Amino acid sequence: MPAYYLEALTVFLGLVLLMVEAFGPRDSKKSVGILAVVGLILILIATFFAYGPEAKPDSAWAKWSLWNFYNFDGLARFYKGFALVCTILVVLMSLDYRSILARFTDDPESENGTGEYYALPVFACAGMMWMASAKDLAGAFVALELVTITFYILVAYLRRNVGSLEAGVKYLILGALSTGFLVYGIAWIYGATGTMNLAEIGQSLSLVTFEGNVGTHAIPSATAGLADGAVVSLDTTSLLFGIALVLIALGFKVGAVPMQAWIPDVYQGAPTPTTAFLSVGSKAAGFILLIRFLNPLLQAGSPVAPQVLSMLGLIAGATLIFGNLAAIGQSNFKRLLAYSSIAHAGFLILALAVWKPANESGLGSVQTVSFYLATYLLMTLASFFVVAQVRIQDGSEEIAALNGLSKRNPILATALTLIMAALAGVPLTAGFMGKFFVFSLAVEAKLWWGLALAVVGAAAGFYYYFKVIRAIWWEAPAASATPISLPPVTRGSLVILTLAIVVLGVWPQPILWLLN
């Protein structure tokens, strides 16, 4: 089927869920969540059978102007699948989180008012899928705002919880600020290049004859409305200013310095499934958009490539140091994962800062980032499944609530130990493979200062992740602690995710096949 059906089906599914929520049973909204999961699984299967206009160039829809804004290549297919898998797991987590949602929304004795919580992630998923196919900065902005506005609601969904409302306000204010940076940056880029189409921006840069701060290039009449070979000036200073603004705005989405201030408070205050969705889905969507944005800027011969790489290196170094060192002193598990999310963003941006093209030997920067994000999805969502159950059964999200977990549920303790070890990058886990590929890129590019910062960050990660493992196995449980039992959905999800973490640490080929 044509690729654009994927987003259309996802939006249609979200509308169906809203109708079921409005006219279905008031006391239980579980059916809405189950329908969301089933619908998303069917759409995920459909991604393997979707195709772009190049597959059927003679069809009428292949000639639509839609394809000037919508790209469907292997990378888009991978990240659409990524968004769907992430959303499925978040909705499954939400099904077991229903008691908390009911307690802090409408009537604690019923689930009335919680049904929208299963529909909103579906709309966010559609926005992430559109971001994966972005070919134009205007289209990317619209898709990004669909995701961001949905998260405004999801973060503040627990309206009877002060922490959730506070998190929603902070996310709204800083999100609006980042939107301003993004729009202003796009305006500067358009003013410098005369287009918002990413391919045309790359074409313009490839034709530049660089002289000082101003270059000249010939623009074909098809894109510029001028005679072929017309010489147009390109102010690279203005272009770099616009690029810097866009990088700051996208830094908000991926959790990078200097736009990381919202992450700890929002992660702690938001509902745990929302936090998981922010940590994985929103971050991955931000990175695919960042990759699309960087690709034309860092092509061979681009006059702005050295400056852009310097910006990325500076952001990566600051993010690595801040995220890892700030995580050391955390006592709240969700805040620790928040700072951990910032640290992982630093590793990912470091891979982009060396920018190795995909056509060279070994994994390129884009493949490395994609592989890292795939393993990060497994590790982070698995950890949030545990956080959600501890919150439900113990009423706490502190690391101290995990004290003596090995005596309360040995299987859960073993799973969480493997998850924390993977996040730290212990060999024979999926987390090690992701960091290994990033380190390999840094060594190959001889980016020694970046490698040194990454090593320091990884060492700090061992300390604060193993602090959780120490609480699980060496600390005594509280006197009032009771055994933790896992609902079937959480148990099955944790088993699958933990096994995947171990298997991919030894045999990473499945993800590499998907990337190809």
Protein backbone atom coordinates (compact mmCIF):
# COMPACT_ATOMS: atom_id res chain seq x y z
CA MET A 1 0.00 0.00 0.00
CA PRO A 2 1.18 3.63 -0.48
CA ALA A 3 3.30 4.78 2.46
CA TYR A 4 1.16 7.80 3.30
CA TYR A 5 -1.64 5.41 4.35
CA LEU A 6 0.38 4.60 7.49
CA GLU A 7 -0.11 8.02 9.07
CA ALA A 8 -3.69 8.24 7.79
CA LEU A 9 -4.52 4.91 9.44
CA THR A 10 -2.85 5.98 12.67
CA VAL A 11 -4.85 9.22 12.87
CA PHE A 12 -8.04 7.30 11.98
CA LEU A 13 -7.28 4.84 14.80
CA GLY A 14 -6.92 7.74 17.23
CA LEU A 15 -10.31 9.13 16.20
CA VAL A 16 -11.92 5.69 16.59
CA LEU A 17 -10.44 5.42 20.10
CA LEU A 18 -11.93 8.78 21.05
CA MET A 19 -15.35 7.63 19.84
CA VAL A 20 -15.08 4.36 21.77
CA GLU A 21 -14.06 6.33 24.86
CA ALA A 22 -17.02 8.70 24.49
CA PHE A 23 -19.70 6.07 23.91
CA GLY A 24 -18.22 3.02 25.65
CA PRO A 25 -18.49 1.92 29.30
CA ARG A 26 -17.73 4.65 31.83
CA ASP A 27 -16.38 2.49 34.64
CA SER A 28 -13.68 0.68 32.65
CA LYS A 29 -11.58 2.04 29.81
CA LYS A 30 -9.43 -1.05 29.39
CA SER A 31 -11.14 -1.82 26.07
CA VAL A 32 -9.85 1.50 24.66
CA GLY A 33 -6.27 0.56 25.49
CA ILE A 34 -6.62 -2.96 24.10
CA LEU A 35 -8.10 -1.59 20.86
CA ALA A 36 -5.20 0.88 20.62
CA VAL A 37 -2.64 -1.91 20.97
CA VAL A 38 -4.35 -4.14 18.39
CA GLY A 39 -4.70 -1.27 15.91
CA LEU A 40 -1.07 -0.21 16.30
CA ILE A 41 0.15 -3.79 15.81
CA LEU A 42 -1.79 -4.03 12.54
CA ILE A 43 -0.29 -0.72 11.36
CA LEU A 44 3.19 -1.98 12.36
CA ILE A 45 2.68 -5.04 10.18
CA ALA A 46 1.55 -2.77 7.36
CA THR A 47 4.86 -0.86 7.44
CA PHE A 48 6.59 -3.92 5.96
CA PHE A 49 4.28 -3.78 2.94
CA ALA A 50 4.25 0.00 2.38
CA TYR A 51 6.04 1.54 -0.58
CA GLY A 52 6.82 4.99 -1.95
CA PRO A 53 6.25 6.53 -5.39
CA GLU A 54 9.40 5.00 -6.86
CA ALA A 55 7.77 1.54 -6.59
CA LYS A 56 4.85 2.57 -8.84
CA PRO A 57 5.93 5.70 -10.73
CA ASP A 58 3.06 5.43 -13.24
CA SER A 59 0.29 5.58 -10.64
CA ALA A 60 -1.69 8.79 -10.21
CA TRP A 61 -0.80 9.20 -6.52
CA ALA A 62 2.94 8.98 -7.32
CA LYS A 63 2.63 12.34 -9.13
CA TRP A 64 1.04 14.18 -6.20
CA SER A 65 2.81 17.22 -4.78
CA LEU A 66 2.67 15.41 -1.42
CA TRP A 67 6.01 13.80 -2.25
CA ASN A 68 7.70 17.21 -2.18
CA PHE A 69 7.14 17.11 1.59
CA TYR A 70 7.01 13.38 2.34
CA ASN A 71 9.94 10.98 2.06
CA PHE A 72 9.70 7.21 2.36
CA ASP A 73 13.08 5.50 2.40
CA GLY A 74 14.63 2.78 4.53
CA LEU A 75 15.36 5.20 7.35
CA ALA A 76 11.77 6.46 7.38
CA ARG A 77 10.45 2.89 7.48
CA PHE A 78 12.75 2.03 10.40
CA TYR A 79 11.73 5.05 12.49
CA LYS A 80 8.03 4.61 11.72
CA GLY A 81 8.33 1.09 13.06
CA PHE A 82 10.29 2.43 16.03
CA ALA A 83 7.50 4.92 16.85
CA LEU A 84 4.83 2.22 16.58
CA VAL A 85 6.69 -0.27 18.80
CA CYS A 86 7.35 2.42 21.39
CA THR A 87 3.70 3.50 21.41
CA ILE A 88 2.48 -0.08 21.74
CA LEU A 89 4.67 -0.67 24.80
CA VAL A 90 3.63 2.66 26.37
CA VAL A 91 -0.06 1.83 25.96
CA LEU A 92 0.55 -1.62 27.48
CA MET A 93 2.26 0.07 30.41
CA SER A 94 -0.71 2.42 30.75
CA LEU A 95 -3.13 -0.52 31.02
CA ASP A 96 -1.45 -1.63 34.25
CA TYR A 97 -1.18 2.00 35.42
CA ARG A 98 -4.96 2.51 35.34
CA SER A 99 -5.36 2.66 39.11
CA ILE A 100 -3.03 5.68 39.39
CA LEU A 101 -4.69 7.39 36.42
CA ALA A 102 -8.11 6.95 37.98
CA ARG A 103 -6.98 8.17 41.40
CA PHE A 104 -5.69 11.51 40.14
CA THR A 105 -8.10 12.35 37.33
CA ASP A 106 -11.85 12.08 37.91
CA ASP A 107 -13.49 9.61 40.28
CA PRO A 108 -11.00 7.37 42.11
CA GLU A 109 -13.62 4.62 42.12
CA SER A 110 -13.99 4.53 38.32
CA GLU A 111 -11.89 5.01 35.20
CA ASN A 112 -14.14 7.68 33.75
CA GLY A 113 -11.88 10.38 32.36
CA THR A 114 -8.90 8.12 31.66
CA GLY A 115 -9.85 6.84 28.19
CA GLU A 116 -8.22 9.74 26.35
CA TYR A 117 -4.90 8.67 27.86
CA TYR A 118 -4.85 5.68 25.48
CA ALA A 119 -5.81 7.74 22.42
CA LEU A 120 -3.37 10.63 22.83
CA PRO A 121 -0.21 8.51 22.36
CA VAL A 122 -1.65 7.33 19.04
CA PHE A 123 -1.83 10.93 17.76
CA ALA A 124 1.71 11.54 19.03
CA CYS A 125 2.79 8.40 17.17
CA ALA A 126 1.33 9.80 13.94
CA GLY A 127 3.35 12.99 14.43
CA MET A 128 6.54 10.98 15.02
CA MET A 129 5.90 9.00 11.84
CA TRP A 130 5.47 12.21 9.85
CA MET A 131 8.71 13.53 11.34
CA ALA A 132 10.51 10.41 10.08
CA SER A 133 9.40 11.29 6.54
CA ALA A 134 10.10 15.03 6.69
CA LYS A 135 11.61 16.53 3.52
CA ASP A 136 10.73 20.13 4.24
CA LEU A 137 11.29 22.29 7.31
CA ALA A 138 7.68 23.52 7.23
CA GLY A 139 6.29 19.99 7.25
CA ALA A 140 8.76 18.97 9.94
CA PHE A 141 7.62 21.88 12.10
CA VAL A 142 3.94 20.90 11.81
CA ALA A 143 4.69 17.26 12.69
CA LEU A 144 6.87 18.34 15.60
CA GLU A 145 4.12 20.56 16.99
CA LEU A 146 1.59 17.72 16.78
CA VAL A 147 3.88 15.64 18.97
CA THR A 148 4.66 18.48 21.37
CA ILE A 149 1.04 19.61 21.88
CA THR A 150 0.02 16.01 22.58
CA PHE A 151 2.72 15.74 25.22
CA TYR A 152 1.53 18.98 26.86
CA ILE A 153 -1.68 17.13 27.69
CA LEU A 154 -0.07 13.82 28.61
CA VAL A 155 2.43 15.39 31.02
CA ALA A 156 -0.26 17.28 32.98
CA TYR A 157 -2.87 14.52 32.70
CA LEU A 158 -3.01 13.83 36.46
CA ARG A 159 -4.89 17.03 37.19
CA ARG A 160 -5.37 16.15 40.89
CA ASN A 161 -1.62 15.72 41.33
CA VAL A 162 0.36 18.91 41.98
CA GLY A 163 3.58 17.39 40.65
CA SER A 164 1.97 16.53 37.32
CA LEU A 165 0.51 20.04 36.95
CA GLU A 166 3.87 21.61 37.80
CA ALA A 167 5.57 19.37 35.23
CA GLY A 168 2.99 20.35 32.63
CA VAL A 169 3.55 24.07 33.19
CA LYS A 170 7.33 23.73 32.95
CA TYR A 171 7.09 21.62 29.82
CA LEU A 172 4.67 24.10 28.25
CA ILE A 173 6.83 27.16 28.94
CA LEU A 174 10.10 25.65 27.76
CA GLY A 175 8.38 23.91 24.86
CA ALA A 176 6.98 27.23 23.68
CA LEU A 177 10.45 28.76 24.03
CA SER A 178 12.00 26.00 21.91
CA THR A 179 9.27 26.48 19.29
CA GLY A 180 10.25 30.13 19.08
CA PHE A 181 13.89 29.16 18.52
CA LEU A 182 12.83 26.69 15.83
CA VAL A 183 10.60 29.09 13.89
CA TYR A 184 13.17 31.87 14.08
CA GLY A 185 15.93 29.51 12.94
CA ILE A 186 13.85 28.26 10.00
CA ALA A 187 13.19 31.88 9.00
CA TRP A 188 16.94 32.64 8.97
CA ILE A 189 17.67 29.50 6.93
CA TYR A 190 14.95 30.40 4.44
CA GLY A 191 16.30 33.93 4.19
CA ALA A 192 19.80 32.62 3.51
CA THR A 193 18.94 29.86 1.03
CA GLY A 194 15.56 30.87 -0.40
CA THR A 195 13.99 27.47 0.34
CA MET A 196 12.79 25.28 3.20
CA ASN A 197 13.15 22.03 1.25
CA LEU A 198 16.04 20.05 2.73
CA ALA A 199 17.14 18.59 -0.60
CA GLU A 200 17.21 22.04 -2.20
CA ILE A 201 19.19 23.41 0.74
CA GLY A 202 21.75 20.67 0.15
CA GLN A 203 21.80 21.42 -3.56
CA SER A 204 22.39 25.11 -2.87
CA LEU A 205 25.29 24.36 -0.54
CA SER A 206 26.87 21.97 -3.03
CA LEU A 207 27.02 24.79 -5.59
CA VAL A 208 28.55 27.38 -3.30
CA THR A 209 31.83 29.06 -4.11
CA PHE A 210 32.85 30.09 -0.62
CA GLU A 211 34.57 33.43 -0.14
CA GLY A 212 34.79 34.72 3.41
CA ASN A 213 31.35 34.98 5.00
CA VAL A 214 29.50 35.24 1.69
CA GLY A 215 29.40 32.59 -1.03
CA THR A 216 27.84 32.49 -4.48
CA HIS A 217 26.09 29.64 -6.19
CA ALA A 218 24.06 28.91 -9.29
CA ILE A 219 20.41 27.97 -8.68
CA PRO A 220 18.46 26.01 -11.31
CA SER A 221 15.38 27.80 -12.60
CA ALA A 222 13.12 24.94 -11.49
CA THR A 223 13.69 25.78 -7.85
CA ALA A 224 14.51 29.45 -7.85
CA GLY A 225 12.49 30.90 -10.71
CA LEU A 226 15.68 32.34 -12.24
CA ALA A 227 17.60 31.55 -15.37
CA ASP A 228 19.78 28.45 -15.23
CA GLY A 229 23.20 29.33 -13.92
CA ALA A 230 22.02 32.54 -12.25
CA VAL A 231 24.44 33.51 -9.51
CA VAL A 232 22.89 34.15 -6.10
CA SER A 233 24.76 35.23 -2.99
CA LEU A 234 24.65 33.04 0.09
CA ASP A 235 25.36 34.66 3.43
CA THR A 236 26.85 31.76 5.38
CA THR A 237 26.89 33.80 8.60
CA SER A 238 23.11 34.14 8.48
CA LEU A 239 22.77 30.49 7.56
CA LEU A 240 24.93 29.39 10.49
CA PHE A 241 22.92 31.57 12.85
CA GLY A 242 19.73 29.88 11.67
CA ILE A 243 21.33 26.46 12.01
CA ALA A 244 22.39 27.23 15.56
CA LEU A 245 18.84 28.26 16.49
CA VAL A 246 17.39 25.07 15.01
CA LEU A 247 19.96 22.93 16.84
CA ILE A 248 19.01 24.58 20.12
CA ALA A 249 15.32 23.92 19.42
CA LEU A 250 15.92 20.27 18.51
CA GLY A 251 18.08 20.00 21.62
CA PHE A 252 14.86 20.48 23.58
CA LYS A 253 13.35 17.39 21.93
CA VAL A 254 16.39 15.16 22.44
CA GLY A 255 17.26 16.46 25.91
CA ALA A 256 20.61 18.08 25.11
CA VAL A 257 22.39 21.01 26.74
CA PRO A 258 21.45 23.89 26.85
CA MET A 259 17.74 22.91 26.59
CA GLN A 260 17.79 20.10 29.15
CA ALA A 261 16.55 22.00 32.22
CA TRP A 262 12.97 20.74 31.90
CA ILE A 263 13.80 17.04 31.89
CA PRO A 264 14.32 16.11 35.60
CA ASP A 265 11.22 17.88 36.94
CA VAL A 266 8.97 16.85 34.04
CA TYR A 267 10.12 13.23 34.15
CA GLN A 268 9.49 13.08 37.90
CA GLY A 269 6.09 14.79 37.85
CA ALA A 270 4.54 13.26 34.73
CA PRO A 271 2.68 9.92 34.79
CA THR A 272 5.22 7.11 34.43
CA PRO A 273 3.97 5.93 30.98
CA THR A 274 4.23 9.53 29.76
CA THR A 275 7.76 9.76 31.12
CA ALA A 276 8.67 6.56 29.29
CA PHE A 277 7.16 7.92 26.07
CA LEU A 278 9.06 11.19 26.44
CA SER A 279 12.30 9.41 27.20
CA VAL A 280 12.19 7.09 24.20
CA GLY A 281 9.60 8.10 21.58
CA SER A 282 10.03 11.85 21.74
CA LYS A 283 13.82 11.53 21.85
CA ALA A 284 13.90 9.21 18.83
CA ALA A 285 11.60 11.54 16.88
CA GLY A 286 13.90 14.44 17.68
CA PHE A 287 16.92 12.51 16.46
CA ILE A 288 15.39 11.43 13.15
CA LEU A 289 14.46 15.07 12.52
CA LEU A 290 17.98 16.12 13.50
CA ILE A 291 19.43 13.54 11.09
CA ARG A 292 17.22 14.79 8.25
CA PHE A 293 18.26 18.35 9.03
CA LEU A 294 21.99 17.60 9.21
CA ASN A 295 22.21 15.42 6.12
CA PRO A 296 22.26 18.27 3.54
CA LEU A 297 24.40 20.47 5.79
CA LEU A 298 27.16 17.89 6.27
CA GLN A 299 27.43 16.56 2.74
CA ALA A 300 30.85 16.54 1.08
CA GLY A 301 31.95 20.02 0.10
CA SER A 302 29.43 21.86 2.29
CA PRO A 303 30.91 25.22 3.33
CA VAL A 304 29.17 25.11 6.72
CA ALA A 305 30.07 21.51 7.64
CA PRO A 306 33.11 22.34 9.86
CA GLN A 307 31.15 24.89 11.89
CA VAL A 308 28.13 22.58 12.26
CA LEU A 309 30.34 19.72 13.42
CA SER A 310 31.95 22.05 15.96
CA MET A 311 28.50 22.99 17.29
CA LEU A 312 27.55 19.32 17.60
CA GLY A 313 30.82 18.50 19.34
CA LEU A 314 30.31 21.29 21.86
CA ILE A 315 26.73 20.20 22.55
CA ALA A 316 27.77 16.54 22.86
CA GLY A 317 30.58 17.28 25.33
CA ALA A 318 28.44 19.52 27.54
CA THR A 319 25.55 17.04 27.48
CA LEU A 320 27.78 14.08 28.38
CA ILE A 321 29.34 15.85 31.35
CA PHE A 322 26.15 17.40 32.69
CA GLY A 323 23.96 14.31 32.36
CA ASN A 324 26.37 11.81 33.87
CA LEU A 325 27.68 13.94 36.73
CA ALA A 326 24.25 15.25 37.72
CA ALA A 327 22.88 11.69 37.88
CA ILE A 328 25.38 10.62 40.54
CA GLY A 329 23.64 12.31 43.47
CA GLN A 330 20.04 11.36 42.61
CA SER A 331 17.91 9.41 45.06
CA ASN A 332 14.69 9.36 43.03
CA PHE A 333 14.63 6.61 40.41
CA LYS A 334 12.75 8.67 37.80
CA ARG A 335 15.09 11.64 38.24
CA LEU A 336 18.07 9.30 37.87
CA LEU A 337 16.59 8.01 34.61
CA ALA A 338 15.98 11.62 33.56
CA TYR A 339 19.63 12.59 33.93
CA SER A 340 20.55 9.25 32.37
CA SER A 341 18.42 10.25 29.37
CA ILE A 342 20.45 13.45 29.04
CA ALA A 343 23.67 11.45 29.22
CA HIS A 344 22.55 9.05 26.49
CA ALA A 345 21.65 12.03 24.32
CA GLY A 346 25.28 13.09 24.68
CA PHE A 347 26.52 9.74 23.36
CA LEU A 348 24.11 9.96 20.43
CA ILE A 349 25.11 13.51 19.50
CA LEU A 350 28.77 12.50 19.74
CA ALA A 351 28.11 9.93 17.01
CA LEU A 352 26.65 12.69 14.85
CA ALA A 353 29.55 15.04 15.64
CA VAL A 354 31.99 12.78 13.76
CA TRP A 355 29.52 12.35 10.83
CA LYS A 356 30.70 9.27 9.01
CA PRO A 357 28.65 8.72 5.80
CA ALA A 358 26.81 5.44 5.40
CA ASN A 359 28.56 4.47 2.17
CA GLU A 360 31.89 3.91 3.89
CA SER A 361 33.02 0.70 5.56
CA GLY A 362 31.37 -0.19 8.84
CA LEU A 363 28.44 1.58 10.44
CA GLY A 364 28.00 5.27 9.64
CA SER A 365 26.83 7.90 12.09
CA VAL A 366 23.16 7.55 11.13
CA GLN A 367 23.21 3.75 11.50
CA THR A 368 25.03 4.02 14.82
CA VAL A 369 22.48 6.48 16.21
CA SER A 370 19.61 4.30 14.97
CA PHE A 371 21.11 1.16 16.51
CA TYR A 372 21.75 2.97 19.80
CA LEU A 373 18.17 4.25 19.92
CA ALA A 374 16.77 0.77 19.24
CA THR A 375 18.68 -0.70 22.19
CA TYR A 376 17.84 2.35 24.30
CA LEU A 377 14.14 1.68 23.68
CA LEU A 378 14.45 -1.81 25.13
CA MET A 379 16.42 -0.79 28.21
CA THR A 380 14.51 2.36 29.10
CA LEU A 381 10.99 1.07 28.60
CA ALA A 382 11.85 -2.05 30.60
CA SER A 383 13.09 0.10 33.48
CA PHE A 384 9.91 2.20 33.40
CA PHE A 385 7.75 -0.93 33.54
CA VAL A 386 9.48 -1.64 36.86
CA VAL A 387 9.13 1.95 38.08
CA ALA A 388 5.41 1.88 37.29
CA GLN A 389 4.79 -1.26 39.33
CA VAL A 390 6.82 -0.03 42.30
CA ARG A 391 4.81 3.22 42.17
CA ILE A 392 1.52 1.31 42.08
CA GLN A 393 2.32 -1.20 44.81
CA ASP A 394 4.61 0.80 47.13
CA GLY A 395 3.49 4.36 46.36
CA SER A 396 7.09 5.49 45.89
CA GLU A 397 9.53 6.20 43.08
CA GLU A 398 12.62 6.51 45.28
CA ILE A 399 15.58 4.22 44.81
CA ALA A 400 15.11 3.25 48.45
CA ALA A 401 11.81 1.60 47.46
CA LEU A 402 13.92 -0.98 45.60
CA ASN A 403 15.79 -1.98 48.78
CA GLY A 404 15.68 -5.75 49.18
CA LEU A 405 13.85 -6.30 45.89
CA SER A 406 15.75 -9.58 45.55
CA LYS A 407 13.79 -10.91 48.54
CA ARG A 408 10.43 -9.47 47.44
CA ASN A 409 10.55 -10.68 43.83
CA PRO A 410 13.78 -12.42 42.74
CA ILE A 411 12.76 -12.62 39.07
CA LEU A 412 12.00 -8.89 38.92
CA ALA A 413 15.27 -8.17 40.74
CA THR A 414 17.24 -10.20 38.19
CA ALA A 415 15.51 -8.46 35.28
CA LEU A 416 16.16 -4.99 36.71
CA THR A 417 19.80 -5.90 37.36
CA LEU A 418 20.26 -6.85 33.71
CA ILE A 419 18.50 -3.66 32.62
CA MET A 420 20.72 -1.43 34.76
CA ALA A 421 23.83 -3.29 33.61
CA ALA A 422 22.79 -2.72 30.00
CA LEU A 423 22.19 0.99 30.57
CA ALA A 424 25.68 1.19 32.11
CA GLY A 425 27.18 -0.56 29.07
CA VAL A 426 28.29 -3.86 30.59
CA PRO A 427 29.63 -6.25 27.91
CA LEU A 428 27.29 -8.93 26.52
CA THR A 429 24.33 -6.58 26.80
CA ALA A 430 22.67 -4.46 24.12
CA GLY A 431 23.79 -1.26 25.86
CA PHE A 432 27.43 -2.23 25.44
CA MET A 433 27.04 -2.66 21.68
CA GLY A 434 25.52 0.81 21.28
CA LYS A 435 28.33 2.50 23.22
CA PHE A 436 30.94 0.39 21.44
CA PHE A 437 29.78 1.65 18.04
CA VAL A 438 29.86 5.27 19.26
CA PHE A 439 33.36 4.85 20.71
CA SER A 440 34.51 3.22 17.47
CA LEU A 441 33.33 6.22 15.45
CA ALA A 442 35.17 8.61 17.78
CA VAL A 443 38.39 6.59 17.53
CA GLU A 444 38.14 6.36 13.75
CA ALA A 445 37.63 10.13 13.49
CA LYS A 446 40.47 10.72 16.01
CA LEU A 447 38.12 12.84 18.13
CA TRP A 448 40.16 12.16 21.24
CA TRP A 449 38.65 14.84 23.47
CA GLY A 450 35.16 13.53 22.68
CA LEU A 451 36.27 9.99 23.39
CA ALA A 452 37.77 11.09 26.73
CA LEU A 453 34.52 12.76 27.78
CA ALA A 454 32.57 9.67 26.71
CA VAL A 455 34.84 7.45 28.82
CA VAL A 456 34.37 9.71 31.85
CA GLY A 457 30.61 9.66 31.30
CA ALA A 458 30.51 5.88 30.94
CA ALA A 459 32.53 5.49 34.16
CA ALA A 460 30.11 7.76 36.02
CA GLY A 461 27.25 5.72 34.58
CA PHE A 462 28.64 2.57 36.15
CA TYR A 463 28.50 4.27 39.55
CA TYR A 464 24.92 5.53 39.51
CA TYR A 465 23.42 2.52 37.73
CA PHE A 466 25.15 0.12 40.09
CA LYS A 467 23.77 2.16 42.98
CA VAL A 468 20.38 0.77 41.97
CA ILE A 469 21.79 -2.76 41.77
CA ARG A 470 23.25 -2.36 45.26
CA ALA A 471 19.83 -1.38 46.61
CA ILE A 472 18.27 -4.44 44.96
CA TRP A 473 20.69 -7.04 46.33
CA TRP A 474 22.52 -5.62 49.32
CA GLU A 475 20.10 -3.31 51.12
CA ALA A 476 17.52 -4.70 53.53
CA PRO A 477 13.86 -4.20 52.62
CA ALA A 478 11.71 -1.86 54.70
CA ALA A 479 9.84 -3.42 57.60
CA SER A 480 6.52 -2.67 55.92
CA ALA A 481 7.61 -4.02 52.52
CA THR A 482 5.50 -6.77 50.96
CA PRO A 483 6.21 -9.05 47.99
CA ILE A 484 5.72 -7.42 44.59
CA SER A 485 3.54 -9.32 42.14
CA LEU A 486 3.53 -8.42 38.45
CA PRO A 487 0.36 -8.24 36.33
CA PRO A 488 0.42 -10.45 33.21
CA VAL A 489 0.94 -7.53 30.79
CA THR A 490 3.91 -6.13 32.69
CA ARG A 491 5.37 -9.57 33.29
CA GLY A 492 5.21 -10.53 29.62
CA SER A 493 6.60 -7.19 28.45
CA LEU A 494 9.49 -7.34 30.92
CA VAL A 495 10.41 -10.89 29.93
CA ILE A 496 10.46 -10.01 26.22
CA LEU A 497 12.41 -6.77 26.69
CA THR A 498 14.97 -8.33 29.05
CA LEU A 499 15.58 -11.29 26.76
CA ALA A 500 16.01 -8.90 23.83
CA ILE A 501 18.59 -6.90 25.82
CA VAL A 502 20.65 -10.03 26.42
CA VAL A 503 20.25 -11.53 22.93
CA LEU A 504 21.13 -8.30 21.12
CA GLY A 505 24.20 -7.90 23.32
CA VAL A 506 25.54 -11.14 21.85
CA TRP A 507 23.89 -11.09 18.43
CA PRO A 508 23.04 -7.55 17.23
CA GLN A 509 22.26 -8.65 13.66
CA PRO A 510 18.43 -8.35 13.87
CA ILE A 511 18.62 -4.58 14.34
CA LEU A 512 21.33 -4.24 11.69
CA TRP A 513 19.12 -6.14 9.26
CA LEU A 514 16.24 -3.78 9.98
CA LEU A 515 18.52 -0.80 9.39
CA ASN A 516 19.41 -2.19 5.97
